[in-house]
Each structure stands twice: as C-alpha cells, then as structure tokens.
Amino acid sequence: MARRQPGAIASVVTRPLPAQLDKAGVPATTTDAIVAENADARIDGLRSALSLLAVVALIALYATRRIPARQPSAMPVGEPATSGDRTVSGDAADREAVHTPRPR
C-alpha cells in the first residue's frame, strides 16, 4: 500500500488502495470512506501547496521591485539614476550606483 524509498516521504498509491483494503478484510463501506478521505486529503494538500507557492511568488515580486530597470553602467554620465518609478539624484544616486574599477 505504501511505497517508501530511502530518504523519501511515504505516500499511498490510490489505485491499489481498495484492493489492499479488501485483502485486509475491511468492509466495503469503510473502504469507500477511506478512499474518499484519501482523495479529499490529497486535494487539500495540493491547495495548501499552491497557496504557499502564490504567497512566495508575491513576496518575491515585492522584494524585486527595487531592481533598477537599467544597469548603472548603461546610464550616461550626469543622468540621474532611477529606481522603479522614482528618480534619485545627487548623493543618493552616487550611493545607489554600482561603480566598477576602470582598467589600467
């Protein structure tokens, strides 16, 4: 009924479940209830996993909103650096810009 590989999480394969329960002498009504509960638990697990994935994706979108649209080295000298929809100028632009050493 359960397949287990070293280092893996045990899972119940759905197809042979009724046959294994019949083989164990479990009544048909109980078998139907177990199979239905197993299916519901799988759907709940998928919903939970997808919800968690959506939350992680939203956090990632929020975290990446400050990535500049252009690389600082691609900006012409004297042009203010922009971050998202705001413009940074003066000392703040110097602090945000990434300076690479010039070759000698």
PDB file of N, CA and C in Angstrom:
ATOM      1  N   MET A   1       0.826  -1.180   0.000  1.00  0.00           N
ATOM      2  CA  MET A   1       0.000   0.000   0.000  1.00  0.00           C
ATOM      3  C   MET A   1       0.878   1.254   0.000  1.00  0.00           C
ATOM      4  N   ALA A   2       1.836   1.331   0.885  1.00  0.00           N
ATOM      5  CA  ALA A   2       2.714   2.495   0.923  1.00  0.00           C
ATOM      6  C   ALA A   2       4.043   2.136   0.280  1.00  0.00           C
ATOM      7  N   ARG A   3       4.516   3.002  -0.578  1.00  0.00           N
ATOM      8  CA  ARG A   3       5.814   2.805  -1.206  1.00  0.00           C
ATOM      9  C   ARG A   3       6.798   3.752  -0.564  1.00  0.00           C
ATOM     10  N   ARG A   4       7.935   3.222  -0.180  1.00  0.00           N
ATOM     11  CA  ARG A   4       8.920   4.054   0.513  1.00  0.00           C
ATOM     12  C   ARG A   4      10.290   3.820  -0.087  1.00  0.00           C
ATOM     13  N   GLN A   5      10.924   4.912  -0.466  1.00  0.00           N
ATOM     14  CA  GLN A   5      12.292   4.863  -0.944  1.00  0.00           C
ATOM     15  C   GLN A   5      13.164   5.531   0.111  1.00  0.00           C
ATOM     16  N   PRO A   6      14.434   5.158   0.190  1.00  0.00           N
ATOM     17  CA  PRO A   6      15.303   5.779   1.186  1.00  0.00           C
ATOM     18  C   PRO A   6      15.335   7.301   1.022  1.00  0.00           C
ATOM     19  N   GLY A   7      15.083   8.018   2.096  1.00  0.00           N
ATOM     20  CA  GLY A   7      15.122   9.473   2.071  1.00  0.00           C
ATOM     21  C   GLY A   7      13.884  10.110   1.477  1.00  0.00           C
ATOM     22  N   ALA A   8      12.851   9.338   1.163  1.00  0.00           N
ATOM     23  CA  ALA A   8      11.639   9.884   0.556  1.00  0.00           C
ATOM     24  C   ALA A   8      10.498   9.869   1.571  1.00  0.00           C
ATOM     25  N   ILE A   9       9.490  10.658   1.293  1.00  0.00           N
ATOM     26  CA  ILE A   9       8.298  10.697   2.134  1.00  0.00           C
ATOM     27  C   ILE A   9       7.377   9.565   1.698  1.00  0.00           C
ATOM     28  N   ALA A  10       6.818   8.853   2.654  1.00  0.00           N
ATOM     29  CA  ALA A  10       5.919   7.752   2.328  1.00  0.00           C
ATOM     30  C   ALA A  10       4.638   8.303   1.726  1.00  0.00           C
ATOM     31  N   SER A  11       4.148   7.665   0.677  1.00  0.00           N
ATOM     32  CA  SER A  11       2.892   8.079   0.071  1.00  0.00           C
ATOM     33  C   SER A  11       2.060   6.849  -0.222  1.00  0.00           C
ATOM     34  N   VAL A  12       0.759   7.021  -0.228  1.00  0.00           N
ATOM     35  CA  VAL A  12      -0.158   5.929  -0.507  1.00  0.00           C
ATOM     36  C   VAL A  12      -0.579   6.052  -1.958  1.00  0.00           C
ATOM     37  N   VAL A  13      -0.393   4.979  -2.723  1.00  0.00           N
ATOM     38  CA  VAL A  13      -0.811   4.966  -4.112  1.00  0.00           C
ATOM     39  C   VAL A  13      -2.302   4.690  -4.132  1.00  0.00           C
ATOM     40  N   THR A  14      -3.058   5.503  -4.884  1.00  0.00           N
ATOM     41  CA  THR A  14      -4.515   5.451  -4.831  1.00  0.00           C
ATOM     42  C   THR A  14      -5.096   4.194  -5.473  1.00  0.00           C
ATOM     43  N   ARG A  15      -4.590   3.773  -6.605  1.00  0.00           N
ATOM     44  CA  ARG A  15      -5.212   2.654  -7.335  1.00  0.00           C
ATOM     45  C   ARG A  15      -5.271   1.359  -6.529  1.00  0.00           C
ATOM     46  N   PRO A  16      -4.167   0.875  -5.957  1.00  0.00           N
ATOM     47  CA  PRO A  16      -4.259  -0.401  -5.246  1.00  0.00           C
ATOM     48  C   PRO A  16      -4.855  -0.291  -3.838  1.00  0.00           C
ATOM     49  N   LEU A  17      -5.209   0.912  -3.399  1.00  0.00           N
ATOM     50  CA  LEU A  17      -5.727   1.075  -2.041  1.00  0.00           C
ATOM     51  C   LEU A  17      -6.987   0.244  -1.792  1.00  0.00           C
ATOM     52  N   PRO A  18      -8.017   0.319  -2.627  1.00  0.00           N
ATOM     53  CA  PRO A  18      -9.204  -0.510  -2.363  1.00  0.00           C
ATOM     54  C   PRO A  18      -8.895  -2.013  -2.371  1.00  0.00           C
ATOM     55  N   ALA A  19      -8.044  -2.438  -3.290  1.00  0.00           N
ATOM     56  CA  ALA A  19      -7.703  -3.868  -3.343  1.00  0.00           C
ATOM     57  C   ALA A  19      -6.972  -4.303  -2.069  1.00  0.00           C
ATOM     58  N   GLN A  20      -6.070  -3.461  -1.593  1.00  0.00           N
ATOM     59  CA  GLN A  20      -5.334  -3.798  -0.361  1.00  0.00           C
ATOM     60  C   GLN A  20      -6.272  -3.820   0.848  1.00  0.00           C
ATOM     61  N   LEU A  21      -7.218  -2.890   0.880  1.00  0.00           N
ATOM     62  CA  LEU A  21      -8.168  -2.868   1.993  1.00  0.00           C
ATOM     63  C   LEU A  21      -9.086  -4.089   1.941  1.00  0.00           C
ATOM     64  N   ASP A  22      -9.528  -4.482   0.721  1.00  0.00           N
ATOM     65  CA  ASP A  22     -10.353  -5.692   0.591  1.00  0.00           C
ATOM     66  C   ASP A  22      -9.569  -6.921   1.024  1.00  0.00           C
ATOM     67  N   LYS A  23      -8.303  -6.964   0.644  1.00  0.00           N
ATOM     68  CA  LYS A  23      -7.433  -8.084   1.002  1.00  0.00           C
ATOM     69  C   LYS A  23      -7.256  -8.176   2.523  1.00  0.00           C
ATOM     70  N   ALA A  24      -7.277  -7.008   3.178  1.00  0.00           N
ATOM     71  CA  ALA A  24      -7.127  -6.971   4.633  1.00  0.00           C
ATOM     72  C   ALA A  24      -8.441  -7.264   5.349  1.00  0.00           C
ATOM     73  N   GLY A  25      -9.541  -7.413   4.584  1.00  0.00           N
ATOM     74  CA  GLY A  25     -10.828  -7.748   5.196  1.00  0.00           C
ATOM     75  C   GLY A  25     -11.601  -6.546   5.701  1.00  0.00           C
ATOM     76  N   VAL A  26     -11.318  -5.361   5.190  1.00  0.00           N
ATOM     77  CA  VAL A  26     -12.034  -4.154   5.598  1.00  0.00           C
ATOM     78  C   VAL A  26     -13.384  -4.133   4.875  1.00  0.00           C
ATOM     79  N   PRO A  27     -14.487  -3.811   5.568  1.00  0.00           N
ATOM     80  CA  PRO A  27     -15.798  -3.768   4.921  1.00  0.00           C
ATOM     81  C   PRO A  27     -15.847  -2.734   3.784  1.00  0.00           C
ATOM     82  N   ALA A  28     -16.736  -2.948   2.819  1.00  0.00           N
ATOM     83  CA  ALA A  28     -16.825  -2.096   1.626  1.00  0.00           C
ATOM     84  C   ALA A  28     -17.172  -0.651   1.981  1.00  0.00           C
ATOM     85  N   THR A  29     -18.062  -0.434   2.935  1.00  0.00           N
ATOM     86  CA  THR A  29     -18.421   0.940   3.294  1.00  0.00           C
ATOM     87  C   THR A  29     -17.239   1.669   3.922  1.00  0.00           C
ATOM     88  N   THR A  30     -16.470   0.964   4.722  1.00  0.00           N
ATOM     89  CA  THR A  30     -15.282   1.565   5.323  1.00  0.00           C
ATOM     90  C   THR A  30     -14.228   1.843   4.256  1.00  0.00           C
ATOM     91  N   THR A  31     -14.074   0.922   3.304  1.00  0.00           N
ATOM     92  CA  THR A  31     -13.128   1.117   2.202  1.00  0.00           C
ATOM     93  C   THR A  31     -13.490   2.366   1.411  1.00  0.00           C
ATOM     94  N   ASP A  32     -14.775   2.528   1.103  1.00  0.00           N
ATOM     95  CA  ASP A  32     -15.220   3.715   0.352  1.00  0.00           C
ATOM     96  C   ASP A  32     -14.929   4.994   1.131  1.00  0.00           C
ATOM     97  N   ALA A  33     -15.162   4.953   2.442  1.00  0.00           N
ATOM     98  CA  ALA A  33     -14.906   6.133   3.270  1.00  0.00           C
ATOM     99  C   ALA A  33     -13.409   6.459   3.312  1.00  0.00           C
ATOM    100  N   ILE A  34     -12.574   5.423   3.401  1.00  0.00           N
ATOM    101  CA  ILE A  34     -11.115   5.647   3.440  1.00  0.00           C
ATOM    102  C   ILE A  34     -10.622   6.217   2.122  1.00  0.00           C
ATOM    103  N   VAL A  35     -11.103   5.670   1.001  1.00  0.00           N
ATOM    104  CA  VAL A  35     -10.684   6.154  -0.318  1.00  0.00           C
ATOM    105  C   VAL A  35     -11.141   7.599  -0.523  1.00  0.00           C
ATOM    106  N   ALA A  36     -12.373   7.917  -0.109  1.00  0.00           N
ATOM    107  CA  ALA A  36     -12.882   9.291  -0.248  1.00  0.00           C
ATOM    108  C   ALA A  36     -12.071  10.254   0.627  1.00  0.00           C
ATOM    109  N   GLU A  37     -11.747   9.847   1.843  1.00  0.00           N
ATOM    110  CA  GLU A  37     -10.959  10.703   2.739  1.00  0.00           C
ATOM    111  C   GLU A  37      -9.547  10.914   2.190  1.00  0.00           C
ATOM    112  N   ASN A  38      -8.982   9.861   1.603  1.00  0.00           N
ATOM    113  CA  ASN A  38      -7.657   9.966   0.994  1.00  0.00           C
ATOM    114  C   ASN A  38      -7.683  10.974  -0.160  1.00  0.00           C
ATOM    115  N   ALA A  39      -8.700  10.898  -1.001  1.00  0.00           N
ATOM    116  CA  ALA A  39      -8.818  11.833  -2.129  1.00  0.00           C
ATOM    117  C   ALA A  39      -8.979  13.266  -1.632  1.00  0.00           C
ATOM    118  N   ASP A  40      -9.814  13.457  -0.614  1.00  0.00           N
ATOM    119  CA  ASP A  40     -10.004  14.807  -0.055  1.00  0.00           C
ATOM    120  C   ASP A  40      -8.703  15.343   0.533  1.00  0.00           C
ATOM    121  N   ALA A  41      -7.953  14.492   1.207  1.00  0.00           N
ATOM    122  CA  ALA A  41      -6.688  14.923   1.806  1.00  0.00           C
ATOM    123  C   ALA A  41      -5.682  15.314   0.724  1.00  0.00           C
ATOM    124  N   ARG A  42      -5.672  14.581  -0.378  1.00  0.00           N
ATOM    125  CA  ARG A  42      -4.764  14.931  -1.481  1.00  0.00           C
ATOM    126  C   ARG A  42      -5.119  16.291  -2.077  1.00  0.00           C
ATOM    127  N   ILE A  43      -6.413  16.546  -2.274  1.00  0.00           N
ATOM    128  CA  ILE A  43      -6.851  17.843  -2.816  1.00  0.00           C
ATOM    129  C   ILE A  43      -6.498  18.964  -1.845  1.00  0.00           C
ATOM    130  N   ASP A  44      -6.732  18.747  -0.559  1.00  0.00           N
ATOM    131  CA  ASP A  44      -6.376  19.763   0.443  1.00  0.00           C
ATOM    132  C   ASP A  44      -4.877  20.045   0.430  1.00  0.00           C
ATOM    133  N   GLY A  45      -4.075  18.993   0.295  1.00  0.00           N
ATOM    134  CA  GLY A  45      -2.625  19.174   0.235  1.00  0.00           C
ATOM    135  C   GLY A  45      -2.195  19.969  -0.984  1.00  0.00           C
ATOM    136  N   LEU A  46      -2.810  19.689  -2.127  1.00  0.00           N
ATOM    137  CA  LEU A  46      -2.490  20.449  -3.336  1.00  0.00           C
ATOM    138  C   LEU A  46      -2.884  21.914  -3.196  1.00  0.00           C
ATOM    139  N   ARG A  47      -4.044  22.166  -2.625  1.00  0.00           N
ATOM    140  CA  ARG A  47      -4.483  23.560  -2.423  1.00  0.00           C
ATOM    141  C   ARG A  47      -3.527  24.302  -1.493  1.00  0.00           C
ATOM    142  N   SER A  48      -3.114  23.635  -0.430  1.00  0.00           N
ATOM    143  CA  SER A  48      -2.182  24.266   0.503  1.00  0.00           C
ATOM    144  C   SER A  48      -0.845  24.566  -0.169  1.00  0.00           C
ATOM    145  N   ALA A  49      -0.351  23.625  -0.946  1.00  0.00           N
ATOM    146  CA  ALA A  49       0.931  23.828  -1.630  1.00  0.00           C
ATOM    147  C   ALA A  49       0.846  24.963  -2.641  1.00  0.00           C
ATOM    148  N   LEU A  50      -0.245  25.029  -3.393  1.00  0.00           N
ATOM    149  CA  LEU A  50      -0.399  26.106  -4.373  1.00  0.00           C
ATOM    150  C   LEU A  50      -0.584  27.461  -3.693  1.00  0.00           C
ATOM    151  N   SER A  51      -1.276  27.485  -2.560  1.00  0.00           N
ATOM    152  CA  SER A  51      -1.428  28.737  -1.817  1.00  0.00           C
ATOM    153  C   SER A  51      -0.078  29.232  -1.308  1.00  0.00           C
ATOM    154  N   LEU A  52       0.721  28.331  -0.784  1.00  0.00           N
ATOM    155  CA  LEU A  52       2.053  28.693  -0.307  1.00  0.00           C
ATOM    156  C   LEU A  52       2.917  29.195  -1.466  1.00  0.00           C
ATOM    157  N   LEU A  53       2.819  28.539  -2.601  1.00  0.00           N
ATOM    158  CA  LEU A  53       3.571  28.965  -3.785  1.00  0.00           C
ATOM    159  C   LEU A  53       3.158  30.371  -4.219  1.00  0.00           C
ATOM    160  N   ALA A  54       1.868  30.673  -4.165  1.00  0.00           N
ATOM    161  CA  ALA A  54       1.391  32.012  -4.531  1.00  0.00           C
ATOM    162  C   ALA A  54       1.923  33.066  -3.563  1.00  0.00           C
ATOM    163  N   VAL A  55       1.940  32.755  -2.280  1.00  0.00           N
ATOM    164  CA  VAL A  55       2.459  33.705  -1.288  1.00  0.00           C
ATOM    165  C   VAL A  55       3.946  33.955  -1.515  1.00  0.00           C
ATOM    166  N   VAL A  56       4.705  32.906  -1.781  1.00  0.00           N
ATOM    167  CA  VAL A  56       6.142  33.062  -2.037  1.00  0.00           C
ATOM    168  C   VAL A  56       6.366  33.896  -3.293  1.00  0.00           C
ATOM    169  N   ALA A  57       5.549  33.679  -4.323  1.00  0.00           N
ATOM    170  CA  ALA A  57       5.678  34.465  -5.556  1.00  0.00           C
ATOM    171  C   ALA A  57       5.375  35.939  -5.301  1.00  0.00           C
ATOM    172  N   LEU A  58       4.369  36.235  -4.502  1.00  0.00           N
ATOM    173  CA  LEU A  58       4.054  37.637  -4.191  1.00  0.00           C
ATOM    174  C   LEU A  58       5.169  38.291  -3.384  1.00  0.00           C
ATOM    175  N   ILE A  59       5.739  37.563  -2.447  1.00  0.00           N
ATOM    176  CA  ILE A  59       6.865  38.102  -1.676  1.00  0.00           C
ATOM    177  C   ILE A  59       8.048  38.368  -2.599  1.00  0.00           C
ATOM    178  N   ALA A  60       8.291  37.460  -3.538  1.00  0.00           N
ATOM    179  CA  ALA A  60       9.395  37.650  -4.488  1.00  0.00           C
ATOM    180  C   ALA A  60       9.152  38.869  -5.371  1.00  0.00           C
ATOM    181  N   LEU A  61       7.929  39.076  -5.812  1.00  0.00           N
ATOM    182  CA  LEU A  61       7.617  40.268  -6.607  1.00  0.00           C
ATOM    183  C   LEU A  61       7.852  41.541  -5.800  1.00  0.00           C
ATOM    184  N   TYR A  62       7.439  41.528  -4.545  1.00  0.00           N
ATOM    185  CA  TYR A  62       7.645  42.695  -3.696  1.00  0.00           C
ATOM    186  C   TYR A  62       9.140  42.954  -3.481  1.00  0.00           C
ATOM    187  N   ALA A  63       9.894  41.887  -3.266  1.00  0.00           N
ATOM    188  CA  ALA A  63      11.327  42.034  -2.994  1.00  0.00           C
ATOM    189  C   ALA A  63      12.105  42.518  -4.218  1.00  0.00           C
ATOM    190  N   THR A  64      11.632  42.235  -5.400  1.00  0.00           N
ATOM    191  CA  THR A  64      12.368  42.612  -6.612  1.00  0.00           C
ATOM    192  C   THR A  64      11.909  43.931  -7.202  1.00  0.00           C
ATOM    193  N   ARG A  65      11.015  44.641  -6.566  1.00  0.00           N
ATOM    194  CA  ARG A  65      10.520  45.897  -7.147  1.00  0.00           C
ATOM    195  C   ARG A  65      11.580  46.984  -7.165  1.00  0.00           C
ATOM    196  N   ARG A  66      12.610  46.857  -6.362  1.00  0.00           N
ATOM    197  CA  ARG A  66      13.653  47.882  -6.335  1.00  0.00           C
ATOM    198  C   ARG A  66      14.801  47.605  -7.291  1.00  0.00           C
ATOM    199  N   ILE A  67      14.706  46.564  -8.074  1.00  0.00           N
ATOM    200  CA  ILE A  67      15.749  46.287  -9.055  1.00  0.00           C
ATOM    201  C   ILE A  67      15.657  47.352 -10.143  1.00  0.00           C
ATOM    202  N   PRO A  68      16.757  48.030 -10.472  1.00  0.00           N
ATOM    203  CA  PRO A  68      16.704  49.083 -11.483  1.00  0.00           C
ATOM    204  C   PRO A  68      16.341  48.526 -12.858  1.00  0.00           C
ATOM    205  N   ALA A  69      15.685  49.368 -13.655  1.00  0.00           N
ATOM    206  CA  ALA A  69      15.281  48.964 -14.994  1.00  0.00           C
ATOM    207  C   ALA A  69      16.489  48.850 -15.921  1.00  0.00           C
ATOM    208  N   ARG A  70      17.521  49.677 -15.682  1.00  0.00           N
ATOM    209  CA  ARG A  70      18.745  49.634 -16.497  1.00  0.00           C
ATOM    210  C   ARG A  70      19.932  49.423 -15.587  1.00  0.00           C
ATOM    211  N   GLN A  71      20.977  48.811 -16.132  1.00  0.00           N
ATOM    212  CA  GLN A  71      22.192  48.650 -15.359  1.00  0.00           C
ATOM    213  C   GLN A  71      22.830  50.015 -15.157  1.00  0.00           C
ATOM    214  N   PRO A  72      23.385  50.273 -13.977  1.00  0.00           N
ATOM    215  CA  PRO A  72      24.003  51.577 -13.734  1.00  0.00           C
ATOM    216  C   PRO A  72      25.110  51.907 -14.734  1.00  0.00           C
ATOM    217  N   SER A  73      25.849  50.919 -15.216  1.00  0.00           N
ATOM    218  CA  SER A  73      26.924  51.205 -16.165  1.00  0.00           C
ATOM    219  C   SER A  73      26.374  51.609 -17.530  1.00  0.00           C
ATOM    220  N   ALA A  74      25.086  51.338 -17.805  1.00  0.00           N
ATOM    221  CA  ALA A  74      24.486  51.699 -19.086  1.00  0.00           C
ATOM    222  C   ALA A  74      23.969  53.135 -19.097  1.00  0.00           C
ATOM    223  N   MET A  75      23.949  53.800 -17.931  1.00  0.00           N
ATOM    224  CA  MET A  75      23.445  55.165 -17.857  1.00  0.00           C
ATOM    225  C   MET A  75      24.533  56.151 -18.271  1.00  0.00           C
ATOM    226  N   PRO A  76      24.182  57.119 -19.092  1.00  0.00           N
ATOM    227  CA  PRO A  76      25.155  58.150 -19.446  1.00  0.00           C
ATOM    228  C   PRO A  76      25.560  58.957 -18.209  1.00  0.00           C
ATOM    229  N   VAL A  77      26.754  59.503 -18.223  1.00  0.00           N
ATOM    230  CA  VAL A  77      27.262  60.299 -17.113  1.00  0.00           C
ATOM    231  C   VAL A  77      26.385  61.534 -16.952  1.00  0.00           C
ATOM    232  N   GLY A  78      26.026  61.833 -15.725  1.00  0.00           N
ATOM    233  CA  GLY A  78      25.226  63.015 -15.438  1.00  0.00           C
ATOM    234  C   GLY A  78      23.736  62.743 -15.422  1.00  0.00           C
ATOM    235  N   GLU A  79      23.294  61.600 -15.939  1.00  0.00           N
ATOM    236  CA  GLU A  79      21.870  61.278 -15.924  1.00  0.00           C
ATOM    237  C   GLU A  79      21.521  60.714 -14.556  1.00  0.00           C
ATOM    238  N   PRO A  80      20.418  61.194 -13.942  1.00  0.00           N
ATOM    239  CA  PRO A  80      20.067  60.686 -12.615  1.00  0.00           C
ATOM    240  C   PRO A  80      19.662  59.215 -12.685  1.00  0.00           C
ATOM    241  N   ALA A  81      20.028  58.487 -11.649  1.00  0.00           N
ATOM    242  CA  ALA A  81      19.652  57.077 -11.567  1.00  0.00           C
ATOM    243  C   ALA A  81      18.187  56.969 -11.202  1.00  0.00           C
ATOM    244  N   THR A  82      17.509  56.001 -11.758  1.00  0.00           N
ATOM    245  CA  THR A  82      16.102  55.793 -11.414  1.00  0.00           C
ATOM    246  C   THR A  82      15.952  54.418 -10.793  1.00  0.00           C
ATOM    247  N   SER A  83      15.067  54.337  -9.853  1.00  0.00           N
ATOM    248  CA  SER A  83      14.759  53.071  -9.215  1.00  0.00           C
ATOM    249  C   SER A  83      13.248  52.929  -9.219  1.00  0.00           C
ATOM    250  N   GLY A  84      12.736  52.087 -10.100  1.00  0.00           N
ATOM    251  CA  GLY A  84      11.284  51.935 -10.209  1.00  0.00           C
ATOM    252  C   GLY A  84      10.679  53.189 -10.801  1.00  0.00           C
ATOM    253  N   ASP A  85       9.692  53.764 -10.108  1.00  0.00           N
ATOM    254  CA  ASP A  85       9.029  54.953 -10.627  1.00  0.00           C
ATOM    255  C   ASP A  85       9.531  56.241  -9.970  1.00  0.00           C
ATOM    256  N   ARG A  86      10.590  56.177  -9.170  1.00  0.00           N
ATOM    257  CA  ARG A  86      11.100  57.386  -8.532  1.00  0.00           C
ATOM    258  C   ARG A  86      12.471  57.716  -9.106  1.00  0.00           C
ATOM    259  N   THR A  87      12.838  58.953  -9.084  1.00  0.00           N
ATOM    260  CA  THR A  87      14.133  59.399  -9.588  1.00  0.00           C
ATOM    261  C   THR A  87      15.007  59.762  -8.410  1.00  0.00           C
ATOM    262  N   VAL A  88      16.252  59.309  -8.456  1.00  0.00           N
ATOM    263  CA  VAL A  88      17.216  59.588  -7.402  1.00  0.00           C
ATOM    264  C   VAL A  88      18.300  60.456  -8.017  1.00  0.00           C
ATOM    265  N   SER A  89      18.638  61.515  -7.327  1.00  0.00           N
ATOM    266  CA  SER A  89      19.682  62.383  -7.878  1.00  0.00           C
ATOM    267  C   SER A  89      20.654  62.772  -6.775  1.00  0.00           C
ATOM    268  N   GLY A  90      21.756  63.345  -7.168  1.00  0.00           N
ATOM    269  CA  GLY A  90      22.744  63.841  -6.214  1.00  0.00           C
ATOM    270  C   GLY A  90      23.451  62.730  -5.490  1.00  0.00           C
ATOM    271  N   ASP A  91      23.651  62.946  -4.176  1.00  0.00           N
ATOM    272  CA  ASP A  91      24.389  61.985  -3.360  1.00  0.00           C
ATOM    273  C   ASP A  91      23.704  60.621  -3.316  1.00  0.00           C
ATOM    274  N   ALA A  92      22.363  60.615  -3.313  1.00  0.00           N
ATOM    275  CA  ALA A  92      21.643  59.336  -3.277  1.00  0.00           C
ATOM    276  C   ALA A  92      21.931  58.533  -4.530  1.00  0.00           C
ATOM    277  N   ALA A  93      22.046  59.190  -5.681  1.00  0.00           N
ATOM    278  CA  ALA A  93      22.351  58.488  -6.931  1.00  0.00           C
ATOM    279  C   ALA A  93      23.744  57.889  -6.859  1.00  0.00           C
ATOM    280  N   ASP A  94      24.683  58.613  -6.249  1.00  0.00           N
ATOM    281  CA  ASP A  94      26.047  58.095  -6.125  1.00  0.00           C
ATOM    282  C   ASP A  94      26.088  56.883  -5.205  1.00  0.00           C
ATOM    283  N   ARG A  95      25.283  56.889  -4.155  1.00  0.00           N
ATOM    284  CA  ARG A  95      25.260  55.759  -3.241  1.00  0.00           C
ATOM    285  C   ARG A  95      24.620  54.535  -3.890  1.00  0.00           C
ATOM    286  N   GLU A  96      23.601  54.733  -4.760  1.00  0.00           N
ATOM    287  CA  GLU A  96      22.909  53.608  -5.379  1.00  0.00           C
ATOM    288  C   GLU A  96      23.641  53.066  -6.591  1.00  0.00           C
ATOM    289  N   ALA A  97      24.441  53.875  -7.251  1.00  0.00           N
ATOM    290  CA  ALA A  97      25.117  53.425  -8.468  1.00  0.00           C
ATOM    291  C   ALA A  97      26.213  52.413  -8.120  1.00  0.00           C
ATOM    292  N   VAL A  98      26.393  51.469  -8.977  1.00  0.00           N
ATOM    293  CA  VAL A  98      27.446  50.481  -8.802  1.00  0.00           C
ATOM    294  C   VAL A  98      28.624  50.940  -9.640  1.00  0.00           C
ATOM    295  N   HIS A  99      29.745  51.155  -8.986  1.00  0.00           N
ATOM    296  CA  HIS A  99      30.936  51.623  -9.696  1.00  0.00           C
ATOM    297  C   HIS A  99      31.873  50.448  -9.921  1.00  0.00           C
ATOM    298  N   THR A 100      32.319  50.303 -11.142  1.00  0.00           N
ATOM    299  CA  THR A 100      33.279  49.250 -11.445  1.00  0.00           C
ATOM    300  C   THR A 100      34.636  49.899 -11.670  1.00  0.00           C
ATOM    301  N   PRO A 101      35.697  49.248 -11.232  1.00  0.00           N
ATOM    302  CA  PRO A 101      37.028  49.850 -11.432  1.00  0.00           C
ATOM    303  C   PRO A 101      37.372  49.896 -12.912  1.00  0.00           C
ATOM    304  N   ARG A 102      38.032  50.961 -13.294  1.00  0.00           N
ATOM    305  CA  ARG A 102      38.470  51.111 -14.697  1.00  0.00           C
ATOM    306  C   ARG A 102      39.747  50.337 -14.923  1.00  0.00           C
ATOM    307  N   PRO A 103      39.886  49.722 -16.090  1.00  0.00           N
ATOM    308  CA  PRO A 103      41.132  49.001 -16.373  1.00  0.00           C
ATOM    309  C   PRO A 103      42.294  49.945 -16.527  1.00  0.00           C
ATOM    310  N   ARG A 104      43.475  49.524 -16.124  1.00  0.00           N
ATOM    311  CA  ARG A 104      44.658  50.380 -16.199  1.00  0.00           C
ATOM    312  C   ARG A 104      45.377  50.207 -17.489  1.00  0.00           C
TER     313      ARG A 104
END
